[in-house]
Amino acid sequence: MLSLTVSERLALKGRAHALSPTVMIGNAGLTDSVLKEIALTLKTHELIKIRVMSDDRALREIMLETICTQLNAAPVQHIGKILVVYQPNPDAHLIELKKMPRHKGKKPLTKKQLGSR
């Protein structure tokens, strides 16, 4: 399973916000055919949303962990019944992860300063 830094995960969450789920896991659960479909979709898109129809949160967490370990992908987000998974593809290279810009020598703005903007 890949691991992401916090800034990389935040950047991927922002990119995934506008996406719609491309793969759905039904009541049959995580079958081999669903895993193949997820692998194929990850190969072409690199970042995908997966909708899970199960109501059990623990089962959804197990599914996310299983997907990421078997496909060598990174979990980005798990909100409700939506899972977001990232797997870099050097051939496609659609998404370029950049580090968050740092302000050199500047202090972060206070709440009062942010409120006046």
C-alpha atoms as a PDB file:
ATOM      1  CA  MET A   1       0.000   0.000   0.000  1.00  0.00           C
ATOM      2  CA  LEU A   2       1.352   3.414  -0.953  1.00  0.00           C
ATOM      3  CA  SER A   3       1.620   6.173   1.593  1.00  0.00           C
ATOM      4  CA  LEU A   4       1.049   9.846   0.913  1.00  0.00           C
ATOM      5  CA  THR A   5       2.190  12.936   2.747  1.00  0.00           C
ATOM      6  CA  VAL A   6      -0.410  15.248   4.205  1.00  0.00           C
ATOM      7  CA  SER A   7       0.103  17.883   1.516  1.00  0.00           C
ATOM      8  CA  GLU A   8      -0.206  15.282  -1.252  1.00  0.00           C
ATOM      9  CA  ARG A   9      -3.391  13.915   0.305  1.00  0.00           C
ATOM     10  CA  LEU A  10      -4.860  17.431   0.549  1.00  0.00           C
ATOM     11  CA  ALA A  11      -4.046  18.134  -3.099  1.00  0.00           C
ATOM     12  CA  LEU A  12      -5.670  14.850  -4.167  1.00  0.00           C
ATOM     13  CA  LYS A  13      -8.760  15.540  -2.054  1.00  0.00           C
ATOM     14  CA  GLY A  14      -9.154  18.840  -3.861  1.00  0.00           C
ATOM     15  CA  ARG A  15      -8.872  17.159  -7.262  1.00  0.00           C
ATOM     16  CA  ALA A  16     -11.293  14.393  -6.259  1.00  0.00           C
ATOM     17  CA  HIS A  17     -13.992  16.789  -5.112  1.00  0.00           C
ATOM     18  CA  ALA A  18     -15.341  17.369  -8.623  1.00  0.00           C
ATOM     19  CA  LEU A  19     -15.178  13.696  -9.640  1.00  0.00           C
ATOM     20  CA  SER A  20     -18.181  11.422  -9.729  1.00  0.00           C
ATOM     21  CA  PRO A  21     -17.943   7.766  -8.653  1.00  0.00           C
ATOM     22  CA  THR A  22     -16.676   5.578 -11.482  1.00  0.00           C
ATOM     23  CA  VAL A  23     -16.958   2.173  -9.787  1.00  0.00           C
ATOM     24  CA  MET A  24     -19.782   0.905  -7.592  1.00  0.00           C
ATOM     25  CA  ILE A  25     -19.499  -1.964  -5.128  1.00  0.00           C
ATOM     26  CA  GLY A  26     -22.913  -3.576  -4.731  1.00  0.00           C
ATOM     27  CA  ASN A  27     -24.413  -5.895  -2.156  1.00  0.00           C
ATOM     28  CA  ALA A  28     -22.241  -8.816  -3.370  1.00  0.00           C
ATOM     29  CA  GLY A  29     -19.230  -7.016  -1.902  1.00  0.00           C
ATOM     30  CA  LEU A  30     -15.695  -6.779  -3.166  1.00  0.00           C
ATOM     31  CA  THR A  31     -15.476  -9.553  -5.762  1.00  0.00           C
ATOM     32  CA  ASP A  32     -12.633 -10.378  -8.131  1.00  0.00           C
ATOM     33  CA  SER A  33     -14.431  -8.772 -11.060  1.00  0.00           C
ATOM     34  CA  VAL A  34     -14.912  -5.545  -9.094  1.00  0.00           C
ATOM     35  CA  LEU A  35     -11.204  -5.522  -8.174  1.00  0.00           C
ATOM     36  CA  LYS A  36     -10.288  -5.974 -11.852  1.00  0.00           C
ATOM     37  CA  GLU A  37     -12.566  -3.085 -12.793  1.00  0.00           C
ATOM     38  CA  ILE A  38     -11.029  -0.874 -10.107  1.00  0.00           C
ATOM     39  CA  ALA A  39      -7.514  -1.796 -11.312  1.00  0.00           C
ATOM     40  CA  LEU A  40      -8.433  -0.981 -14.915  1.00  0.00           C
ATOM     41  CA  THR A  41     -10.021   2.334 -13.952  1.00  0.00           C
ATOM     42  CA  LEU A  42      -7.063   3.303 -11.770  1.00  0.00           C
ATOM     43  CA  LYS A  43      -4.710   2.561 -14.640  1.00  0.00           C
ATOM     44  CA  THR A  44      -6.499   5.038 -16.904  1.00  0.00           C
ATOM     45  CA  HIS A  45      -7.544   7.751 -14.426  1.00  0.00           C
ATOM     46  CA  GLU A  46      -5.043   7.453 -11.507  1.00  0.00           C
ATOM     47  CA  LEU A  47      -7.556   9.010  -9.069  1.00  0.00           C
ATOM     48  CA  ILE A  48     -11.056   7.539  -8.709  1.00  0.00           C
ATOM     49  CA  LYS A  49     -14.090   7.606  -6.481  1.00  0.00           C
ATOM     50  CA  ILE A  50     -15.758   4.347  -5.496  1.00  0.00           C
ATOM     51  CA  ARG A  51     -19.315   4.142  -4.160  1.00  0.00           C
ATOM     52  CA  VAL A  52     -20.044   1.321  -1.713  1.00  0.00           C
ATOM     53  CA  MET A  53     -23.648   0.244  -1.182  1.00  0.00           C
ATOM     54  CA  SER A  54     -23.011  -1.371   2.218  1.00  0.00           C
ATOM     55  CA  ASP A  55     -24.288   0.369   5.352  1.00  0.00           C
ATOM     56  CA  ASP A  56     -21.580  -1.131   7.598  1.00  0.00           C
ATOM     57  CA  ARG A  57     -18.773   1.401   8.166  1.00  0.00           C
ATOM     58  CA  ALA A  58     -16.290  -1.201   9.400  1.00  0.00           C
ATOM     59  CA  LEU A  59     -16.874  -3.260   6.257  1.00  0.00           C
ATOM     60  CA  ARG A  60     -16.234  -0.201   4.077  1.00  0.00           C
ATOM     61  CA  GLU A  61     -12.942   0.453   5.898  1.00  0.00           C
ATOM     62  CA  ILE A  62     -11.907  -3.175   5.337  1.00  0.00           C
ATOM     63  CA  MET A  63     -12.807  -2.832   1.640  1.00  0.00           C
ATOM     64  CA  LEU A  64     -10.684   0.324   1.316  1.00  0.00           C
ATOM     65  CA  GLU A  65      -7.722  -1.379   2.990  1.00  0.00           C
ATOM     66  CA  THR A  66      -8.137  -4.491   0.812  1.00  0.00           C
ATOM     67  CA  ILE A  67      -8.304  -2.449  -2.399  1.00  0.00           C
ATOM     68  CA  CYS A  68      -5.208  -0.452  -1.488  1.00  0.00           C
ATOM     69  CA  THR A  69      -3.109  -3.444  -0.434  1.00  0.00           C
ATOM     70  CA  GLN A  70      -4.020  -5.669  -3.387  1.00  0.00           C
ATOM     71  CA  LEU A  71      -3.635  -2.959  -6.032  1.00  0.00           C
ATOM     72  CA  ASN A  72      -0.715  -1.114  -4.382  1.00  0.00           C
ATOM     73  CA  ALA A  73      -2.733   2.084  -4.248  1.00  0.00           C
ATOM     74  CA  ALA A  74      -3.029   4.858  -1.673  1.00  0.00           C
ATOM     75  CA  PRO A  75      -6.192   5.656   0.281  1.00  0.00           C
ATOM     76  CA  VAL A  76      -6.997   9.336  -0.059  1.00  0.00           C
ATOM     77  CA  GLN A  77     -10.381   9.771   1.602  1.00  0.00           C
ATOM     78  CA  HIS A  78     -13.298   7.835   3.096  1.00  0.00           C
ATOM     79  CA  ILE A  79     -16.434   9.879   3.625  1.00  0.00           C
ATOM     80  CA  GLY A  80     -19.708   8.076   4.099  1.00  0.00           C
ATOM     81  CA  LYS A  81     -20.164   5.561   1.305  1.00  0.00           C
ATOM     82  CA  ILE A  82     -17.553   7.165  -0.955  1.00  0.00           C
ATOM     83  CA  LEU A  83     -13.956   5.945  -1.122  1.00  0.00           C
ATOM     84  CA  VAL A  84     -11.241   7.880  -2.947  1.00  0.00           C
ATOM     85  CA  VAL A  85      -8.203   5.911  -4.139  1.00  0.00           C
ATOM     86  CA  TYR A  86      -5.019   7.039  -5.915  1.00  0.00           C
ATOM     87  CA  GLN A  87      -2.514   4.945  -7.859  1.00  0.00           C
ATOM     88  CA  PRO A  88       0.201   6.727  -9.852  1.00  0.00           C
ATOM     89  CA  ASN A  89       0.685   5.510 -13.402  1.00  0.00           C
ATOM     90  CA  PRO A  90       4.047   6.530 -14.883  1.00  0.00           C
ATOM     91  CA  ASP A  91       2.799   5.873 -18.432  1.00  0.00           C
ATOM     92  CA  ALA A  92      -0.286   8.092 -18.216  1.00  0.00           C
ATOM     93  CA  HIS A  93       1.098  10.606 -15.686  1.00  0.00           C
ATOM     94  CA  LEU A  94      -2.149  12.560 -15.583  1.00  0.00           C
ATOM     95  CA  ILE A  95      -1.757  13.953 -12.080  1.00  0.00           C
ATOM     96  CA  GLU A  96       1.369  15.731 -10.970  1.00  0.00           C
ATOM     97  CA  LEU A  97       1.700  16.025  -7.213  1.00  0.00           C
ATOM     98  CA  LYS A  98       3.219  19.301  -6.135  1.00  0.00           C
ATOM     99  CA  LYS A  99       4.258  20.255  -2.679  1.00  0.00           C
ATOM    100  CA  MET A 100       2.304  22.969  -0.960  1.00  0.00           C
ATOM    101  CA  PRO A 101       4.041  26.349  -1.242  1.00  0.00           C
ATOM    102  CA  ARG A 102       5.637  27.526   1.970  1.00  0.00           C
ATOM    103  CA  HIS A 103       5.948  31.171   2.935  1.00  0.00           C
ATOM    104  CA  LYS A 104       9.557  31.817   3.794  1.00  0.00           C
ATOM    105  CA  GLY A 105      10.115  33.877   6.897  1.00  0.00           C
ATOM    106  CA  LYS A 106       6.515  34.939   7.256  1.00  0.00           C
ATOM    107  CA  LYS A 107       4.325  34.135  10.183  1.00  0.00           C
ATOM    108  CA  PRO A 108       0.859  32.718   9.514  1.00  0.00           C
ATOM    109  CA  LEU A 109      -1.974  35.220   9.658  1.00  0.00           C
ATOM    110  CA  THR A 110      -3.986  35.487  12.849  1.00  0.00           C
ATOM    111  CA  LYS A 111      -7.768  35.054  12.962  1.00  0.00           C
ATOM    112  CA  LYS A 112      -8.209  38.824  13.268  1.00  0.00           C
ATOM    113  CA  GLN A 113      -6.080  39.426  10.173  1.00  0.00           C
ATOM    114  CA  LEU A 114      -7.938  36.750   8.226  1.00  0.00           C
ATOM    115  CA  GLY A 115     -11.292  38.232   9.236  1.00  0.00           C
ATOM    116  CA  SER A 116     -10.394  41.664   7.915  1.00  0.00           C
ATOM    117  CA  ARG A 117      -9.630  40.321   4.441  1.00  0.00           C
END
